[in-house]
N, C-alpha and C. Protein backbone atom coordinates (compact mmCIF):
# COMPACT_ATOMS: atom_id res chain seq x y z
N MET A 1 -2.26 15.17 -0.61
CA MET A 1 -3.65 14.65 -0.98
C MET A 1 -4.46 14.63 0.60
N ASP A 2 -5.77 14.77 0.56
CA ASP A 2 -6.45 14.99 2.08
C ASP A 2 -6.93 13.31 1.83
N TYR A 3 -6.25 12.38 3.00
CA TYR A 3 -6.64 11.37 3.07
C TYR A 3 -7.69 11.33 3.98
N ALA A 4 -7.75 12.43 4.86
CA ALA A 4 -9.19 12.06 5.69
C ALA A 4 -10.54 12.48 5.45
N SER A 5 -10.29 12.79 3.96
CA SER A 5 -11.69 13.70 3.37
C SER A 5 -13.29 12.98 3.50
N SER A 6 -12.87 11.86 2.76
CA SER A 6 -13.65 10.64 2.53
C SER A 6 -13.09 9.25 3.01
N SER A 7 -13.81 8.33 3.11
CA SER A 7 -13.30 6.99 3.69
C SER A 7 -12.58 6.38 2.31
N TYR A 8 -13.93 6.28 1.28
CA TYR A 8 -13.11 5.74 -0.29
C TYR A 8 -12.73 7.09 -1.33
N SER A 9 -12.86 8.16 -1.01
CA SER A 9 -12.47 8.55 -1.84
C SER A 9 -10.58 8.80 -2.30
N TRP A 10 -9.94 8.82 -1.51
CA TRP A 10 -8.97 9.07 -1.51
C TRP A 10 -7.97 7.25 -2.13
N PHE A 11 -8.52 6.02 -1.92
CA PHE A 11 -8.68 4.69 -2.71
C PHE A 11 -8.83 5.00 -4.19
N ASP A 12 -10.67 6.05 -4.53
CA ASP A 12 -10.49 6.01 -6.00
C ASP A 12 -9.66 6.73 -6.94
N LYS A 13 -9.07 7.76 -5.85
CA LYS A 13 -7.80 8.35 -6.68
C LYS A 13 -6.60 8.09 -6.92
N ILE A 14 -6.00 7.31 -5.83
CA ILE A 14 -5.06 5.71 -6.14
C ILE A 14 -5.04 5.07 -6.79
N SER A 15 -6.18 4.21 -6.95
CA SER A 15 -6.60 3.47 -8.16
C SER A 15 -6.49 4.03 -9.49
N SER A 16 -7.91 5.21 -9.74
CA SER A 16 -7.19 5.52 -10.95
C SER A 16 -5.55 6.35 -11.56
N THR A 17 -5.21 6.29 -10.84
CA THR A 17 -3.76 6.66 -11.21
C THR A 17 -2.86 5.47 -11.65
N PHE A 18 -3.01 4.15 -11.33
CA PHE A 18 -2.73 2.75 -11.09
C PHE A 18 -3.39 2.08 -12.92
N ASN A 19 -2.98 1.38 -13.36
CA ASN A 19 -3.39 0.80 -14.39
C ASN A 19 -3.52 -0.44 -14.29
N ILE A 20 -3.70 -0.96 -12.98
CA ILE A 20 -3.64 -2.20 -12.81
C ILE A 20 -4.83 -2.87 -11.77
N ARG A 21 -4.95 -3.59 -12.39
CA ARG A 21 -6.63 -4.29 -10.92
C ARG A 21 -6.02 -4.27 -9.87
N ALA A 22 -6.65 -4.29 -8.72
CA ALA A 22 -6.07 -3.80 -7.03
C ALA A 22 -7.15 -5.06 -6.64
N ASN A 23 -6.25 -5.78 -5.85
CA ASN A 23 -7.15 -7.08 -5.05
C ASN A 23 -7.49 -5.81 -3.57
N GLY A 24 -6.90 -4.84 -3.19
CA GLY A 24 -6.69 -4.39 -2.15
C GLY A 24 -6.34 -2.97 -2.22
N PHE A 25 -6.49 -2.27 -1.23
CA PHE A 25 -5.10 -0.99 -0.42
C PHE A 25 -5.36 -1.14 1.04
N ILE A 26 -4.02 -0.42 1.22
CA ILE A 26 -3.90 0.09 2.50
C ILE A 26 -3.03 1.22 2.66
N LEU A 27 -3.32 2.08 3.94
CA LEU A 27 -2.85 3.35 3.87
C LEU A 27 -2.45 3.34 5.73
N ILE A 28 -0.67 3.40 5.73
CA ILE A 28 0.06 3.17 6.90
C ILE A 28 0.55 4.66 6.81
N ASP A 29 0.42 5.09 8.39
CA ASP A 29 1.09 5.85 8.78
C ASP A 29 2.83 6.28 8.81
N GLY A 30 2.81 7.56 7.52
CA GLY A 30 4.66 7.43 7.16
C GLY A 30 5.32 7.36 8.10
N LYS A 31 4.69 7.84 9.47
CA LYS A 31 5.97 7.99 10.84
C LYS A 31 5.92 6.80 11.95
N THR A 32 4.95 6.21 11.94
CA THR A 32 4.60 4.89 12.98
C THR A 32 4.46 4.16 12.39
N GLY A 33 3.85 3.48 11.46
CA GLY A 33 3.71 2.53 10.82
C GLY A 33 2.89 2.10 11.07
N LEU A 34 1.64 2.77 11.86
CA LEU A 34 0.69 2.59 12.17
C LEU A 34 -0.52 1.93 11.18
N CYS A 35 -1.63 1.89 10.50
CA CYS A 35 -2.52 0.83 9.79
C CYS A 35 -3.29 2.58 10.03
N LEU A 36 -3.63 2.82 8.81
CA LEU A 36 -4.61 4.00 9.02
C LEU A 36 -6.37 3.71 8.22
N ASP A 37 -6.61 2.82 7.14
CA ASP A 37 -7.02 2.07 6.60
C ASP A 37 -6.72 0.79 5.49
N VAL A 38 -7.70 -0.18 5.22
CA VAL A 38 -7.48 -0.70 4.37
C VAL A 38 -9.25 -1.24 3.61
N ARG A 39 -8.35 -1.17 2.78
CA ARG A 39 -9.80 -2.18 1.82
C ARG A 39 -8.95 -3.51 0.95
N GLY A 40 -10.59 -4.43 0.25
CA GLY A 40 -10.15 -5.75 -0.03
C GLY A 40 -9.21 -6.31 0.66
N ILE A 41 -8.47 -7.31 0.21
CA ILE A 41 -7.44 -8.36 1.13
C ILE A 41 -6.53 -8.06 1.40
N ALA A 42 -6.11 -6.61 1.83
CA ALA A 42 -5.20 -5.99 2.86
C ALA A 42 -5.76 -6.62 3.96
N GLN A 43 -4.86 -6.51 5.16
CA GLN A 43 -5.35 -6.73 6.76
C GLN A 43 -4.55 -5.72 7.44
N LYS A 44 -5.12 -5.10 8.21
CA LYS A 44 -4.52 -4.37 9.48
C LYS A 44 -3.65 -4.83 10.59
N GLU A 45 -3.69 -5.61 10.23
CA GLU A 45 -2.24 -6.96 10.76
C GLU A 45 -1.40 -6.38 10.02
N ASP A 46 -1.17 -6.31 8.32
CA ASP A 46 0.13 -6.34 7.57
C ASP A 46 0.70 -5.23 7.44
N ALA A 47 0.43 -3.59 8.13
CA ALA A 47 0.91 -2.73 8.28
C ALA A 47 2.26 -2.71 8.42
N ALA A 48 2.62 -3.00 9.75
CA ALA A 48 3.84 -2.91 10.43
C ALA A 48 4.78 -3.40 9.04
N SER A 49 4.08 -5.07 9.26
CA SER A 49 5.89 -5.68 8.20
C SER A 49 5.71 -4.98 6.57
N ILE A 50 4.87 -4.68 6.79
CA ILE A 50 5.04 -3.44 5.15
C ILE A 50 5.98 -2.48 5.24
N TYR A 51 5.67 -1.56 6.30
CA TYR A 51 6.17 -0.22 7.00
C TYR A 51 7.61 -0.62 6.94
N MET A 52 8.36 -1.80 7.88
CA MET A 52 9.63 -2.03 7.88
C MET A 52 10.01 -2.59 6.37
N ILE A 53 9.54 -3.29 5.97
CA ILE A 53 10.67 -4.02 4.37
C ILE A 53 9.38 -2.75 3.28
N SER A 54 9.27 -1.95 3.19
CA SER A 54 9.69 -1.10 3.09
C SER A 54 10.50 0.42 2.54
N LYS A 55 11.11 -0.28 3.67
CA LYS A 55 12.18 1.09 4.00
C LYS A 55 13.88 0.71 3.04
N GLU A 56 13.61 -1.32 2.71
CA GLU A 56 14.36 -1.59 1.87
C GLU A 56 14.18 -1.64 0.28
N ALA A 57 13.04 -1.94 0.33
CA ALA A 57 11.87 -1.63 -1.03
C ALA A 57 12.02 -0.65 -1.90
N ILE A 58 11.64 0.59 -1.31
CA ILE A 58 11.54 1.86 -2.03
C ILE A 58 12.28 2.29 -2.20
N ASP A 59 13.08 2.58 -3.66
CA ASP A 59 14.08 3.81 -4.83
C ASP A 59 13.47 4.94 -4.11
N GLU A 60 14.27 5.83 -4.84
CA GLU A 60 14.68 7.12 -4.49
C GLU A 60 13.05 7.66 -5.53
N SER A 61 12.52 7.63 -5.92
CA SER A 61 11.70 8.28 -6.79
C SER A 61 10.32 8.03 -5.86
N GLY A 62 10.05 7.38 -4.37
CA GLY A 62 9.46 7.38 -3.58
C GLY A 62 8.25 6.19 -4.27
N ASN A 63 8.78 4.86 -4.73
CA ASN A 63 8.30 3.88 -5.11
C ASN A 63 8.82 2.82 -4.92
N GLY A 64 7.81 1.26 -4.93
CA GLY A 64 8.58 -0.43 -4.83
C GLY A 64 7.82 -1.35 -4.67
N VAL A 65 7.72 -2.13 -4.88
CA VAL A 65 7.62 -3.39 -4.81
C VAL A 65 7.79 -4.53 -3.66
N VAL A 66 6.59 -5.09 -3.34
CA VAL A 66 7.69 -6.09 -2.22
C VAL A 66 6.58 -7.14 -2.68
N GLU A 67 6.71 -8.92 -2.65
CA GLU A 67 6.19 -9.38 -2.50
C GLU A 67 5.58 -10.34 -0.88
N PHE A 68 4.43 -9.85 -0.37
CA PHE A 68 4.41 -9.95 0.69
C PHE A 68 2.43 -10.87 1.01
N ARG A 69 2.64 -12.02 2.23
CA ARG A 69 1.22 -12.97 1.95
C ARG A 69 0.90 -13.17 0.45
N LYS A 70 1.94 -14.08 -0.54
CA LYS A 70 1.59 -14.38 -1.66
C LYS A 70 0.56 -13.32 -2.86
N SER A 71 0.67 -11.81 -2.60
CA SER A 71 0.45 -11.06 -3.51
C SER A 71 1.77 -9.78 -3.52
N ARG A 72 1.69 -9.56 -4.71
CA ARG A 72 2.51 -8.21 -5.01
C ARG A 72 2.16 -7.20 -4.18
N ILE A 73 2.35 -6.44 -3.58
CA ILE A 73 1.77 -5.19 -3.74
C ILE A 73 3.05 -3.77 -4.25
N LEU A 74 2.62 -2.84 -4.65
CA LEU A 74 2.73 -1.74 -5.53
C LEU A 74 3.10 -1.10 -4.13
N LEU A 75 4.09 0.07 -3.40
CA LEU A 75 4.51 0.72 -2.76
C LEU A 75 4.50 2.12 -3.29
N ARG A 76 3.82 3.32 -2.40
CA ARG A 76 4.39 4.81 -3.00
C ARG A 76 4.48 5.12 -1.49
N ARG A 77 5.21 6.31 -1.30
CA ARG A 77 5.39 7.01 -0.33
C ARG A 77 5.23 8.10 -0.23
N GLU A 78 4.16 8.69 0.21
CA GLU A 78 3.42 9.76 0.14
C GLU A 78 4.48 10.76 0.84
N PRO A 79 4.11 12.24 0.95
CA PRO A 79 4.94 12.61 2.69
C PRO A 79 4.27 12.51 3.76
N ASN A 80 3.27 11.75 3.80
CA ASN A 80 3.07 11.68 5.94
C ASN A 80 2.47 10.41 5.66
N CYS A 81 2.30 9.22 4.52
CA CYS A 81 1.97 8.30 4.55
C CYS A 81 2.62 6.91 3.49
N LEU A 82 2.40 5.85 4.02
CA LEU A 82 2.88 5.12 2.52
C LEU A 82 1.38 4.20 2.19
N ILE A 83 1.53 4.32 1.05
CA ILE A 83 0.14 3.39 -0.13
C ILE A 83 0.70 2.46 -0.37
N GLY A 84 -0.15 1.13 0.24
CA GLY A 84 0.24 -0.52 -0.82
C GLY A 84 -1.03 -0.31 -1.60
N LEU A 85 -0.62 -1.01 -2.93
CA LEU A 85 -1.91 -1.70 -4.01
C LEU A 85 -1.55 -2.97 -3.98
N TYR A 86 -2.42 -3.73 -3.67
CA TYR A 86 -2.17 -5.59 -3.76
C TYR A 86 -2.92 -5.92 -5.54
N THR A 87 -1.90 -6.64 -5.20
CA THR A 87 -2.06 -7.00 -6.93
C THR A 87 -2.33 -8.27 -6.93
N GLU A 88 -1.77 -8.84 -8.38
CA GLU A 88 -2.36 -10.67 -8.16
C GLU A 88 -1.61 -11.13 -7.65
N ALA A 89 -1.94 -12.31 -7.30
CA ALA A 89 -1.19 -13.74 -6.27
C ALA A 89 0.02 -13.95 -7.09
N MET A 90 0.97 -14.13 -6.43
CA MET A 90 2.51 -14.37 -6.92
C MET A 90 1.94 -16.30 -7.12
N PRO A 91 2.62 -16.28 -8.13
CA PRO A 91 2.64 -17.94 -7.80
C PRO A 91 3.48 -18.40 -7.28
N SER A 92 2.87 -20.12 -6.90
CA SER A 92 4.10 -21.02 -5.78
C SER A 92 4.73 -21.13 -6.47
N SER A 93 5.68 -21.86 -5.88
CA SER A 93 6.98 -22.48 -6.63
C SER A 93 7.47 -23.74 -6.55
């Protein structure tokens, strides 16, 4: 995937592959954990934490789910990046 071609096009491509309503997206560099881009409720400051959490959350297929800042984040590892899709807020316990 060519992530740098347009600021919004990669979000459109990724969101169209999920059959779920997203509240935000985050794109994280796959080698450094630095934030490359965010949309919606995602925050640049989330990148390092999500990157670290993803190491245990992602399965062999390259997908995973984490709970972070009252959101469920669907993760997908691509060859050079980590993509996070923020979905519905988690219910309070």
